[in-house]
Amino acid sequence: MFSLTVRRNFMIAHSLPRPAFGPAQGLHGATFVTEVTFRRPTLNEDSIVLDIGEAGDVLDAILAGLNYKNLDEHPDFAGRLSTTEALAQYIADAVAGKIRSGNDGQALAGLDVTLRETPDAWASYSLEFDAV
């Protein structure tokens, strides 16, 4: 399996209003390092997994809708907790929706999104694509 990873940063504000989150129940900021890894079993005719520029542009477009936003007020998170795990799934689903609409995206086997809150703590979500 081949893979290609692109990385970007984004910043949000949010609260996690449940006792399990201790001091994070209140409004606070977070900066995430976002890594999206695209996977495919064989390289395309250009001997790549996916164009790095295209992969970065897709991630940039999705993160633009989150960057410097208060997720407590974001319509996509209404009634949902914006935990790191939930954000990883949200980004994975959004990236998959954009990338799979392109011809080269059809051959992808899946993708993984990792959100790093600190160098010592991160969460990931993996998405497998059905064979075309």
C-alpha atoms as a PDB file:
ATOM      1  CA  MET A   1       0.000   0.000   0.000  1.00  0.00           C
ATOM      2  CA  PHE A   2       1.341   3.416  -0.979  1.00  0.00           C
ATOM      3  CA  SER A   3       0.585   6.574   0.965  1.00  0.00           C
ATOM      4  CA  LEU A   4       0.946  10.332   0.698  1.00  0.00           C
ATOM      5  CA  THR A   5       0.563  12.674   3.680  1.00  0.00           C
ATOM      6  CA  VAL A   6      -0.031  16.418   3.748  1.00  0.00           C
ATOM      7  CA  ARG A   7       0.075  18.512   6.914  1.00  0.00           C
ATOM      8  CA  ARG A   8      -1.490  21.829   7.899  1.00  0.00           C
ATOM      9  CA  ASN A   9      -2.320  23.768  11.097  1.00  0.00           C
ATOM     10  CA  PHE A  10      -5.597  25.302  12.198  1.00  0.00           C
ATOM     11  CA  MET A  11      -6.902  27.027  15.317  1.00  0.00           C
ATOM     12  CA  ILE A  12     -10.338  26.815  16.877  1.00  0.00           C
ATOM     13  CA  ALA A  13     -12.234  27.788  19.984  1.00  0.00           C
ATOM     14  CA  HIS A  14     -14.759  25.482  21.585  1.00  0.00           C
ATOM     15  CA  SER A  15     -16.125  24.139  24.847  1.00  0.00           C
ATOM     16  CA  LEU A  16     -16.794  20.557  25.872  1.00  0.00           C
ATOM     17  CA  PRO A  17     -19.633  20.980  28.379  1.00  0.00           C
ATOM     18  CA  ARG A  18     -19.555  17.624  30.141  1.00  0.00           C
ATOM     19  CA  PRO A  19     -17.940  16.689  33.456  1.00  0.00           C
ATOM     20  CA  ALA A  20     -15.615  14.195  31.735  1.00  0.00           C
ATOM     21  CA  PHE A  21     -13.724  17.131  30.198  1.00  0.00           C
ATOM     22  CA  GLY A  22     -12.800  18.881  33.462  1.00  0.00           C
ATOM     23  CA  PRO A  23     -11.412  22.371  32.816  1.00  0.00           C
ATOM     24  CA  ALA A  24     -12.027  21.989  29.058  1.00  0.00           C
ATOM     25  CA  GLN A  25     -15.754  22.339  29.777  1.00  0.00           C
ATOM     26  CA  GLY A  26     -15.301  26.102  29.467  1.00  0.00           C
ATOM     27  CA  LEU A  27     -14.554  27.972  26.280  1.00  0.00           C
ATOM     28  CA  HIS A  28     -10.908  27.517  25.303  1.00  0.00           C
ATOM     29  CA  GLY A  29      -8.697  27.570  22.246  1.00  0.00           C
ATOM     30  CA  ALA A  30      -6.863  24.741  20.546  1.00  0.00           C
ATOM     31  CA  THR A  31      -4.302  24.601  17.775  1.00  0.00           C
ATOM     32  CA  PHE A  32      -4.181  21.384  15.786  1.00  0.00           C
ATOM     33  CA  VAL A  33      -1.546  20.001  13.468  1.00  0.00           C
ATOM     34  CA  THR A  34      -3.582  18.138  10.881  1.00  0.00           C
ATOM     35  CA  GLU A  35      -2.154  15.257   8.866  1.00  0.00           C
ATOM     36  CA  VAL A  36      -4.138  13.609   6.098  1.00  0.00           C
ATOM     37  CA  THR A  37      -2.721  10.421   4.635  1.00  0.00           C
ATOM     38  CA  PHE A  38      -4.123   9.148   1.346  1.00  0.00           C
ATOM     39  CA  ARG A  39      -3.703   5.427   0.591  1.00  0.00           C
ATOM     40  CA  ARG A  40      -3.851   3.411  -2.606  1.00  0.00           C
ATOM     41  CA  PRO A  41      -2.671  -0.098  -3.524  1.00  0.00           C
ATOM     42  CA  THR A  42      -0.944   0.913  -6.765  1.00  0.00           C
ATOM     43  CA  LEU A  43       0.489   4.138  -8.104  1.00  0.00           C
ATOM     44  CA  ASN A  44      -1.367   5.961 -10.869  1.00  0.00           C
ATOM     45  CA  GLU A  45      -0.009   6.430 -14.399  1.00  0.00           C
ATOM     46  CA  ASP A  46       2.134   9.311 -13.118  1.00  0.00           C
ATOM     47  CA  SER A  47       3.680   7.031 -10.467  1.00  0.00           C
ATOM     48  CA  ILE A  48       2.109   8.954  -7.575  1.00  0.00           C
ATOM     49  CA  VAL A  49      -0.605   8.356  -4.997  1.00  0.00           C
ATOM     50  CA  LEU A  50      -2.167  11.758  -5.602  1.00  0.00           C
ATOM     51  CA  ASP A  51      -0.890  15.157  -6.637  1.00  0.00           C
ATOM     52  CA  ILE A  52       0.561  16.782  -3.506  1.00  0.00           C
ATOM     53  CA  GLY A  53      -0.716  20.203  -4.555  1.00  0.00           C
ATOM     54  CA  GLU A  54      -4.246  18.903  -5.052  1.00  0.00           C
ATOM     55  CA  ALA A  55      -4.157  17.109  -1.692  1.00  0.00           C
ATOM     56  CA  GLY A  56      -2.989  20.293   0.047  1.00  0.00           C
ATOM     57  CA  ASP A  57      -5.571  22.447  -1.719  1.00  0.00           C
ATOM     58  CA  VAL A  58      -8.387  20.119  -0.643  1.00  0.00           C
ATOM     59  CA  LEU A  59      -7.226  20.175   2.969  1.00  0.00           C
ATOM     60  CA  ASP A  60      -6.775  23.966   2.892  1.00  0.00           C
ATOM     61  CA  ALA A  61     -10.347  24.430   1.632  1.00  0.00           C
ATOM     62  CA  ILE A  62     -11.800  22.294   4.408  1.00  0.00           C
ATOM     63  CA  LEU A  63      -9.717  23.821   7.182  1.00  0.00           C
ATOM     64  CA  ALA A  64     -10.644  27.335   5.998  1.00  0.00           C
ATOM     65  CA  GLY A  65     -14.165  26.613   7.230  1.00  0.00           C
ATOM     66  CA  LEU A  66     -12.826  25.745  10.705  1.00  0.00           C
ATOM     67  CA  ASN A  67      -9.794  27.986  11.191  1.00  0.00           C
ATOM     68  CA  TYR A  68     -10.285  30.743  13.807  1.00  0.00           C
ATOM     69  CA  LYS A  69     -13.904  29.651  14.301  1.00  0.00           C
ATOM     70  CA  ASN A  70     -15.753  29.024  17.539  1.00  0.00           C
ATOM     71  CA  LEU A  71     -17.066  25.519  16.953  1.00  0.00           C
ATOM     72  CA  ASP A  72     -19.767  26.087  19.583  1.00  0.00           C
ATOM     73  CA  GLU A  73     -21.317  28.398  16.966  1.00  0.00           C
ATOM     74  CA  HIS A  74     -20.438  26.353  13.848  1.00  0.00           C
ATOM     75  CA  PRO A  75     -23.572  24.936  12.196  1.00  0.00           C
ATOM     76  CA  ASP A  76     -21.911  21.586  11.436  1.00  0.00           C
ATOM     77  CA  PHE A  77     -21.336  21.016  15.160  1.00  0.00           C
ATOM     78  CA  ALA A  78     -24.769  22.069  16.412  1.00  0.00           C
ATOM     79  CA  GLY A  79     -25.766  19.573  19.077  1.00  0.00           C
ATOM     80  CA  ARG A  80     -22.436  17.712  18.774  1.00  0.00           C
ATOM     81  CA  LEU A  81     -19.290  17.718  20.839  1.00  0.00           C
ATOM     82  CA  SER A  82     -16.282  18.970  18.911  1.00  0.00           C
ATOM     83  CA  THR A  83     -13.768  16.587  20.472  1.00  0.00           C
ATOM     84  CA  THR A  84     -10.502  15.916  18.713  1.00  0.00           C
ATOM     85  CA  GLU A  85     -11.843  12.531  17.597  1.00  0.00           C
ATOM     86  CA  ALA A  86     -15.054  14.070  16.229  1.00  0.00           C
ATOM     87  CA  LEU A  87     -13.031  16.739  14.393  1.00  0.00           C
ATOM     88  CA  ALA A  88     -10.822  14.052  12.826  1.00  0.00           C
ATOM     89  CA  GLN A  89     -13.913  12.254  11.506  1.00  0.00           C
ATOM     90  CA  TYR A  90     -15.430  15.519  10.257  1.00  0.00           C
ATOM     91  CA  ILE A  91     -12.263  16.384   8.329  1.00  0.00           C
ATOM     92  CA  ALA A  92     -11.914  12.839   6.938  1.00  0.00           C
ATOM     93  CA  ASP A  93     -15.491  12.830   5.654  1.00  0.00           C
ATOM     94  CA  ALA A  94     -15.075  16.288   4.096  1.00  0.00           C
ATOM     95  CA  VAL A  95     -11.755  15.399   2.438  1.00  0.00           C
ATOM     96  CA  ALA A  96     -13.209  12.140   1.125  1.00  0.00           C
ATOM     97  CA  GLY A  97     -16.179  13.978  -0.353  1.00  0.00           C
ATOM     98  CA  LYS A  98     -13.949  16.384  -2.242  1.00  0.00           C
ATOM     99  CA  ILE A  99     -11.152  14.052  -3.306  1.00  0.00           C
ATOM    100  CA  ARG A 100     -13.356  11.184  -4.467  1.00  0.00           C
ATOM    101  CA  SER A 101     -15.176  13.494  -6.871  1.00  0.00           C
ATOM    102  CA  GLY A 102     -11.963  13.729  -8.932  1.00  0.00           C
ATOM    103  CA  ASN A 103     -10.936  10.943 -11.306  1.00  0.00           C
ATOM    104  CA  ASP A 104      -7.689  10.152  -9.507  1.00  0.00           C
ATOM    105  CA  GLY A 105      -9.506   9.941  -6.179  1.00  0.00           C
ATOM    106  CA  GLN A 106     -11.517   6.980  -7.421  1.00  0.00           C
ATOM    107  CA  ALA A 107      -8.518   4.640  -7.079  1.00  0.00           C
ATOM    108  CA  LEU A 108      -7.823   5.556  -3.453  1.00  0.00           C
ATOM    109  CA  ALA A 109      -8.219   2.786  -0.898  1.00  0.00           C
ATOM    110  CA  GLY A 110      -8.841   5.189   1.953  1.00  0.00           C
ATOM    111  CA  LEU A 111      -7.452   7.971   4.059  1.00  0.00           C
ATOM    112  CA  ASP A 112      -6.407   8.677   7.620  1.00  0.00           C
ATOM    113  CA  VAL A 113      -6.716  11.960   9.494  1.00  0.00           C
ATOM    114  CA  THR A 114      -4.555  12.620  12.536  1.00  0.00           C
ATOM    115  CA  LEU A 115      -5.054  15.713  14.686  1.00  0.00           C
ATOM    116  CA  ARG A 116      -2.154  16.502  16.991  1.00  0.00           C
ATOM    117  CA  GLU A 117      -3.073  18.710  19.946  1.00  0.00           C
ATOM    118  CA  THR A 118       0.402  18.532  21.431  1.00  0.00           C
ATOM    119  CA  PRO A 119       3.553  16.585  20.567  1.00  0.00           C
ATOM    120  CA  ASP A 120       2.388  14.070  23.195  1.00  0.00           C
ATOM    121  CA  ALA A 121      -1.344  13.728  22.429  1.00  0.00           C
ATOM    122  CA  TRP A 122      -3.291  13.120  19.223  1.00  0.00           C
ATOM    123  CA  ALA A 123      -6.330  11.369  17.803  1.00  0.00           C
ATOM    124  CA  SER A 124      -6.926   9.748  14.415  1.00  0.00           C
ATOM    125  CA  TYR A 125      -9.777   8.576  12.240  1.00  0.00           C
ATOM    126  CA  SER A 126      -9.435   6.140   9.322  1.00  0.00           C
ATOM    127  CA  LEU A 127     -11.814   5.905   6.409  1.00  0.00           C
ATOM    128  CA  GLU A 128     -11.798   2.932   4.026  1.00  0.00           C
ATOM    129  CA  PHE A 129     -13.213   3.338   0.537  1.00  0.00           C
ATOM    130  CA  ASP A 130     -15.158   0.653  -1.260  1.00  0.00           C
ATOM    131  CA  ALA A 131     -13.418  -0.786  -4.300  1.00  0.00           C
ATOM    132  CA  VAL A 132     -14.607   0.863  -7.504  1.00  0.00           C
END
